[in-house]
Amino acid sequence: MCKATYPTPRIIMFDKIGSSELGYITIAENQRNMPFDFKRLYWTYFTPQDVVRGGHAHKDLQQVIFAVSGIITFNTEDCQGNKETFILDHPAKGLYIPNLVWRDIHFSHTAVLLCLASEYYVEEEYIRNYREFKNYSYEV
């Protein structure tokens, strides 16, 4: 079973600077407002809204994810079986996803997902089979 103090997904509100007349900027900084130092940044776009993405967990990688445009809904399950739904609908709202959290992701038509990841891409770090995730998470 997972440790009782294992981190769970949560929303982090990042400060925005600016005004409605000039626009806004939101900043993520290592060792300031991020729960980890990030090594990789990527974004997804033009995802059809009837496609479900995700369908995986990560062994060690942590992420903070933003919907810089549109609306993105995350259905998550942590290694203790706790399920939550998170809606990203503002560019200053980030979703922290620790390691060993399964996710399914739904996009609105105009959604752009921006991800800050704690590790470089390594395919072996992914758990892409739900049954393997359930078995792996209880071995931790």
Protein backbone atom coordinates (compact mmCIF):
# COMPACT_ATOMS: atom_id res chain seq x y z
CA MET A 1 0.00 0.00 0.00
CA CYS A 2 1.16 3.59 -0.53
CA LYS A 3 2.61 5.64 2.27
CA ALA A 4 -0.05 7.65 4.17
CA THR A 5 1.83 10.90 3.49
CA TYR A 6 2.13 10.29 -0.24
CA PRO A 7 1.41 13.54 -2.16
CA THR A 8 -1.90 13.86 -3.96
CA PRO A 9 -2.87 15.95 -7.01
CA ARG A 10 -3.92 19.52 -6.21
CA ILE A 11 -4.64 22.85 -7.84
CA ILE A 12 -2.00 25.56 -7.48
CA MET A 13 -3.01 29.15 -8.27
CA PHE A 14 -0.09 31.09 -9.75
CA ASP A 15 0.07 34.86 -9.40
CA LYS A 16 -0.83 36.91 -12.43
CA ILE A 17 0.71 40.29 -13.15
CA GLY A 18 -0.86 42.91 -15.38
CA SER A 19 -4.22 44.45 -16.13
CA SER A 20 -7.22 43.95 -18.37
CA GLU A 21 -6.01 46.90 -20.49
CA LEU A 22 -2.52 45.48 -21.17
CA GLY A 23 -2.89 41.76 -20.60
CA TYR A 24 -1.39 39.40 -18.04
CA ILE A 25 1.68 37.31 -17.39
CA THR A 26 1.92 34.27 -15.13
CA ILE A 27 5.31 32.97 -14.06
CA ALA A 28 6.49 29.55 -12.83
CA GLU A 29 9.93 29.59 -11.21
CA ASN A 30 12.09 26.77 -9.89
CA GLN A 31 12.52 26.89 -6.10
CA ARG A 32 9.91 29.65 -5.76
CA ASN A 33 6.34 28.64 -6.67
CA MET A 34 6.88 25.16 -8.13
CA PRO A 35 6.73 21.98 -6.02
CA PHE A 36 9.81 20.65 -7.89
CA ASP A 37 12.55 21.85 -10.24
CA PHE A 38 11.46 21.25 -13.82
CA LYS A 39 13.68 19.83 -16.55
CA ARG A 40 11.23 19.66 -19.44
CA LEU A 41 8.47 21.84 -20.85
CA TYR A 42 6.02 20.74 -23.53
CA TRP A 43 2.61 21.66 -24.90
CA THR A 44 -0.17 19.89 -26.77
CA TYR A 45 -2.69 21.51 -29.10
CA PHE A 46 -5.26 20.75 -31.79
CA THR A 47 -6.45 17.76 -29.76
CA PRO A 48 -9.95 16.79 -30.94
CA GLN A 49 -12.43 17.20 -28.10
CA ASP A 50 -13.80 13.68 -28.53
CA VAL A 51 -10.33 12.15 -27.95
CA VAL A 52 -9.32 11.06 -24.44
CA ARG A 53 -5.59 11.44 -23.83
CA GLY A 54 -3.49 10.40 -20.89
CA GLY A 55 -4.24 6.83 -19.90
CA HIS A 56 -0.98 6.54 -17.99
CA ALA A 57 0.93 7.25 -14.79
CA HIS A 58 4.60 8.01 -14.14
CA LYS A 59 6.92 6.09 -11.85
CA ASP A 60 8.97 9.10 -10.71
CA LEU A 61 8.03 12.13 -12.84
CA GLN A 62 5.99 14.98 -11.36
CA GLN A 63 4.13 17.59 -13.41
CA VAL A 64 2.38 20.94 -13.17
CA ILE A 65 -0.07 21.33 -16.03
CA PHE A 66 -1.86 24.44 -17.29
CA ALA A 67 -4.65 25.06 -19.79
CA VAL A 68 -3.20 28.16 -21.42
CA SER A 69 -6.25 28.18 -23.70
CA GLY A 70 -9.60 26.41 -23.52
CA ILE A 71 -10.68 23.95 -20.83
CA ILE A 72 -8.97 20.71 -19.86
CA THR A 73 -10.51 18.18 -17.48
CA PHE A 74 -8.39 15.64 -15.63
CA ASN A 75 -9.76 12.50 -13.99
CA THR A 76 -7.07 11.23 -11.63
CA GLU A 77 -6.57 8.22 -9.39
CA ASP A 78 -3.74 8.07 -6.88
CA CYS A 79 -2.00 4.92 -5.71
CA GLN A 80 -4.43 4.57 -2.78
CA GLY A 81 -7.43 4.48 -5.13
CA ASN A 82 -8.60 8.06 -4.41
CA LYS A 83 -10.28 9.50 -7.51
CA GLU A 84 -10.68 13.21 -8.25
CA THR A 85 -11.69 15.42 -11.16
CA PHE A 86 -9.87 18.69 -11.81
CA ILE A 87 -10.93 21.36 -14.30
CA LEU A 88 -8.30 23.69 -15.70
CA ASP A 89 -10.15 26.73 -17.02
CA HIS A 90 -7.80 29.65 -16.34
CA PRO A 91 -4.18 30.11 -17.49
CA ALA A 92 -2.99 30.92 -13.93
CA LYS A 93 -4.44 27.67 -12.54
CA GLY A 94 -1.98 24.79 -12.49
CA LEU A 95 -2.61 21.16 -11.62
CA TYR A 96 0.17 19.49 -9.65
CA ILE A 97 0.32 15.77 -10.43
CA PRO A 98 2.84 13.81 -8.33
CA ASN A 99 4.25 10.50 -9.48
CA LEU A 100 2.10 7.35 -9.38
CA VAL A 101 -1.12 9.13 -10.31
CA TRP A 102 -3.18 7.72 -13.19
CA ARG A 103 -4.83 10.32 -15.42
CA ASP A 104 -7.34 10.57 -18.25
CA ILE A 105 -7.51 13.94 -19.98
CA HIS A 106 -10.40 15.56 -21.89
CA PHE A 107 -9.88 18.70 -23.99
CA SER A 108 -12.20 21.42 -25.23
CA HIS A 109 -11.87 22.23 -28.93
CA THR A 110 -9.50 25.19 -28.38
CA ALA A 111 -7.46 23.75 -25.50
CA VAL A 112 -3.71 24.15 -25.31
CA LEU A 113 -2.02 22.15 -22.56
CA LEU A 114 1.31 23.36 -21.16
CA CYS A 115 3.27 20.96 -18.95
CA LEU A 116 6.29 21.52 -16.71
CA ALA A 117 7.86 18.14 -15.92
CA SER A 118 10.40 17.20 -13.27
CA GLU A 119 12.33 14.78 -15.51
CA TYR A 120 13.49 14.39 -19.09
CA TYR A 121 11.46 12.08 -21.34
CA VAL A 122 12.20 8.38 -20.75
CA GLU A 123 9.65 5.92 -22.17
CA GLU A 124 10.42 3.27 -19.51
CA GLU A 125 9.26 5.77 -16.85
CA TYR A 126 5.64 5.52 -18.06
CA ILE A 127 3.06 3.03 -16.79
CA ARG A 128 0.61 2.71 -19.69
CA ASN A 129 -1.42 -0.29 -18.50
CA TYR A 130 -3.99 0.38 -15.73
CA ARG A 131 -3.63 -3.09 -14.21
CA GLU A 132 0.15 -2.67 -14.07
CA PHE A 133 -0.37 0.73 -12.41
CA LYS A 134 -2.57 -0.80 -9.72
CA ASN A 135 -0.03 -3.58 -9.09
CA TYR A 136 2.99 -1.25 -9.24
CA SER A 137 1.51 1.35 -6.93
CA TYR A 138 0.90 -1.16 -4.16
CA GLU A 139 4.50 -2.39 -4.31
CA VAL A 140 5.82 1.08 -3.37
